[in-house]
Amino acid sequence: MSWLARLKPGASTSTNLLVAALMWSFIGLYLMVRGYLLPEALPGVFLGLALGLGTVKAFWVIEQAARKNIARIVARPDGMCLGGVYSWGMWGIVVCMMLGGRLLRNSAVPPLALSVIYVAVGWSLLLSSRLIWQEWNARKADGLAKK
């Protein structure tokens, strides 16, 4: 066994799904809280707009990525590296989104619009994370049923 293989944080498929679900959920919650607090308090109509946009984005875009992520994790054998919970391309998208968020915060975009964007993106991630949670829960239930 190579020295690199011994250092990798390998985990079961169930653990990889748990990590993916936690990441999507926590990042979604973080963005929603940050967006809501940005201009002090997001007025109700704009909060509704953000949640509506986030729901549309979740069903049309993000859930497709969640399904691909689930299929990728499930197709991998047990014991694979936790860092491999996402493909290289997905990690690239994560970095691009982080840089995009940084650019938006430092741009001339009005705080209210920025709040709507943050809450919408956060809600879409949080809403879509339910697919990963469902798969993790199904595998956990299957594991308990086998015992």
Protein backbone atom coordinates (compact mmCIF):
# COMPACT_ATOMS: atom_id res chain seq x y z
CA MET A 1 0.00 0.00 0.00
CA SER A 2 1.43 3.38 -0.96
CA TRP A 3 1.96 6.07 1.66
CA LEU A 4 -0.69 8.24 -0.03
CA ALA A 5 -3.32 5.49 0.18
CA ARG A 6 -2.66 5.15 3.91
CA LEU A 7 -3.24 8.89 4.45
CA LYS A 8 -6.51 9.18 2.54
CA PRO A 9 -9.61 9.61 4.70
CA GLY A 10 -11.58 6.67 3.30
CA ALA A 11 -15.22 6.23 4.25
CA SER A 12 -18.26 4.14 3.44
CA THR A 13 -20.81 5.11 0.82
CA SER A 14 -23.22 6.02 3.60
CA THR A 15 -20.67 8.33 5.20
CA ASN A 16 -19.90 9.97 1.84
CA LEU A 17 -23.64 10.62 1.37
CA LEU A 18 -23.87 12.04 4.89
CA VAL A 19 -20.95 14.40 4.25
CA ALA A 20 -22.47 15.55 0.94
CA ALA A 21 -25.89 16.13 2.56
CA LEU A 22 -24.35 18.04 5.47
CA MET A 23 -22.30 20.23 3.14
CA TRP A 24 -25.28 21.11 0.93
CA SER A 25 -27.47 21.79 3.99
CA PHE A 26 -24.96 23.84 5.98
CA ILE A 27 -23.84 25.92 3.00
CA GLY A 28 -27.48 26.52 2.05
CA LEU A 29 -28.35 27.60 5.60
CA TYR A 30 -25.25 29.79 5.80
CA LEU A 31 -26.11 31.58 2.57
CA MET A 32 -29.73 32.07 3.62
CA VAL A 33 -28.77 33.55 7.00
CA ARG A 34 -26.09 35.73 5.46
CA GLY A 35 -28.46 36.95 2.76
CA TYR A 36 -31.28 37.59 5.20
CA LEU A 37 -29.09 39.64 7.53
CA LEU A 38 -27.21 41.54 4.82
CA PRO A 39 -29.40 44.67 4.52
CA GLU A 40 -30.40 44.33 8.20
CA ALA A 41 -33.69 42.54 7.44
CA LEU A 42 -34.99 41.28 4.14
CA PRO A 43 -38.53 42.67 3.62
CA GLY A 44 -41.24 39.99 3.32
CA VAL A 45 -41.99 40.48 -0.36
CA PHE A 46 -38.30 40.14 -1.26
CA LEU A 47 -37.92 37.13 1.00
CA GLY A 48 -40.85 35.54 -0.84
CA LEU A 49 -39.23 36.41 -4.17
CA ALA A 50 -35.93 34.87 -3.07
CA LEU A 51 -37.63 31.68 -1.88
CA GLY A 52 -39.63 31.46 -5.11
CA LEU A 53 -36.53 31.92 -7.27
CA GLY A 54 -34.62 29.42 -5.14
CA THR A 55 -37.38 26.84 -5.50
CA VAL A 56 -37.39 27.22 -9.28
CA LYS A 57 -33.59 26.98 -9.37
CA ALA A 58 -33.68 23.90 -7.13
CA PHE A 59 -36.15 21.99 -9.30
CA TRP A 60 -34.70 23.02 -12.67
CA VAL A 61 -30.96 23.10 -12.00
CA ILE A 62 -29.65 22.07 -8.60
CA GLU A 63 -31.57 18.81 -8.22
CA GLN A 64 -30.00 17.52 -11.43
CA ALA A 65 -26.57 18.13 -9.88
CA ALA A 66 -27.74 16.45 -6.64
CA ARG A 67 -28.91 13.36 -8.54
CA LYS A 68 -25.61 13.15 -10.43
CA ASN A 69 -23.73 13.53 -7.15
CA ILE A 70 -25.78 10.76 -5.53
CA ALA A 71 -25.27 8.44 -8.51
CA ARG A 72 -21.53 9.15 -8.46
CA ILE A 73 -21.20 8.42 -4.74
CA VAL A 74 -23.31 5.26 -4.94
CA ALA A 75 -21.33 3.96 -7.93
CA ARG A 76 -18.04 4.25 -6.03
CA PRO A 77 -16.88 1.33 -3.89
CA ASP A 78 -16.85 1.62 -0.10
CA GLY A 79 -13.70 3.04 1.43
CA MET A 80 -13.22 5.81 -1.11
CA CYS A 81 -11.73 9.15 -0.06
CA LEU A 82 -14.10 11.69 1.53
CA GLY A 83 -12.59 14.38 -0.71
CA GLY A 84 -13.99 12.42 -3.63
CA VAL A 85 -17.53 13.13 -2.46
CA TYR A 86 -17.54 15.57 -5.39
CA SER A 87 -15.95 15.21 -8.80
CA TRP A 88 -13.10 17.52 -9.82
CA GLY A 89 -15.59 19.45 -11.95
CA MET A 90 -17.95 19.93 -9.01
CA TRP A 91 -15.08 21.12 -6.80
CA GLY A 92 -14.26 23.60 -9.59
CA ILE A 93 -17.85 24.85 -9.55
CA VAL A 94 -17.66 25.24 -5.76
CA VAL A 95 -14.51 27.36 -6.09
CA CYS A 96 -16.10 29.44 -8.88
CA MET A 97 -19.22 30.03 -6.76
CA MET A 98 -17.07 31.11 -3.82
CA LEU A 99 -15.17 33.55 -6.03
CA GLY A 100 -18.44 34.74 -7.59
CA GLY A 101 -19.88 35.42 -4.14
CA ARG A 102 -16.77 37.36 -3.22
CA LEU A 103 -17.01 39.42 -6.40
CA LEU A 104 -20.70 40.10 -5.81
CA ARG A 105 -20.06 41.31 -2.25
CA ASN A 106 -17.39 43.70 -3.50
CA SER A 107 -19.43 44.92 -6.47
CA ALA A 108 -21.90 47.75 -6.84
CA VAL A 109 -24.87 45.37 -6.60
CA PRO A 110 -27.35 46.88 -4.13
CA PRO A 111 -27.50 45.05 -0.78
CA LEU A 112 -31.17 44.17 -1.26
CA ALA A 113 -30.49 42.46 -4.61
CA LEU A 114 -27.49 40.71 -3.11
CA SER A 115 -29.68 39.46 -0.27
CA VAL A 116 -32.23 38.05 -2.70
CA ILE A 117 -29.44 36.25 -4.59
CA TYR A 118 -27.90 34.80 -1.42
CA VAL A 119 -31.23 33.61 -0.01
CA ALA A 120 -32.31 32.15 -3.37
CA VAL A 121 -29.06 30.21 -3.85
CA GLY A 122 -29.04 29.09 -0.23
CA TRP A 123 -32.64 27.93 -0.39
CA SER A 124 -32.04 26.03 -3.63
CA LEU A 125 -29.12 24.16 -2.02
CA LEU A 126 -31.04 23.44 1.17
CA LEU A 127 -34.15 22.29 -0.70
CA SER A 128 -32.13 20.07 -3.05
CA SER A 129 -30.15 18.56 -0.19
CA ARG A 130 -33.29 16.61 0.71
CA LEU A 131 -32.53 14.21 -2.17
CA ILE A 132 -29.15 13.35 -0.68
CA TRP A 133 -30.67 13.07 2.80
CA GLN A 134 -33.31 10.69 1.43
CA GLU A 135 -30.67 8.47 -0.17
CA TRP A 136 -28.57 8.49 3.00
CA ASN A 137 -31.63 7.65 5.11
CA ALA A 138 -32.64 4.81 2.77
CA ARG A 139 -29.14 3.29 2.99
CA LYS A 140 -29.13 3.70 6.75
CA ALA A 141 -32.53 1.97 6.98
CA ASP A 142 -31.30 -0.83 4.67
CA GLY A 143 -28.26 -1.29 6.90
CA LEU A 144 -30.42 -1.55 10.01
CA ALA A 145 -32.79 -4.00 8.29
CA LYS A 146 -29.88 -6.30 7.39
CA LYS A 147 -28.71 -6.51 11.02
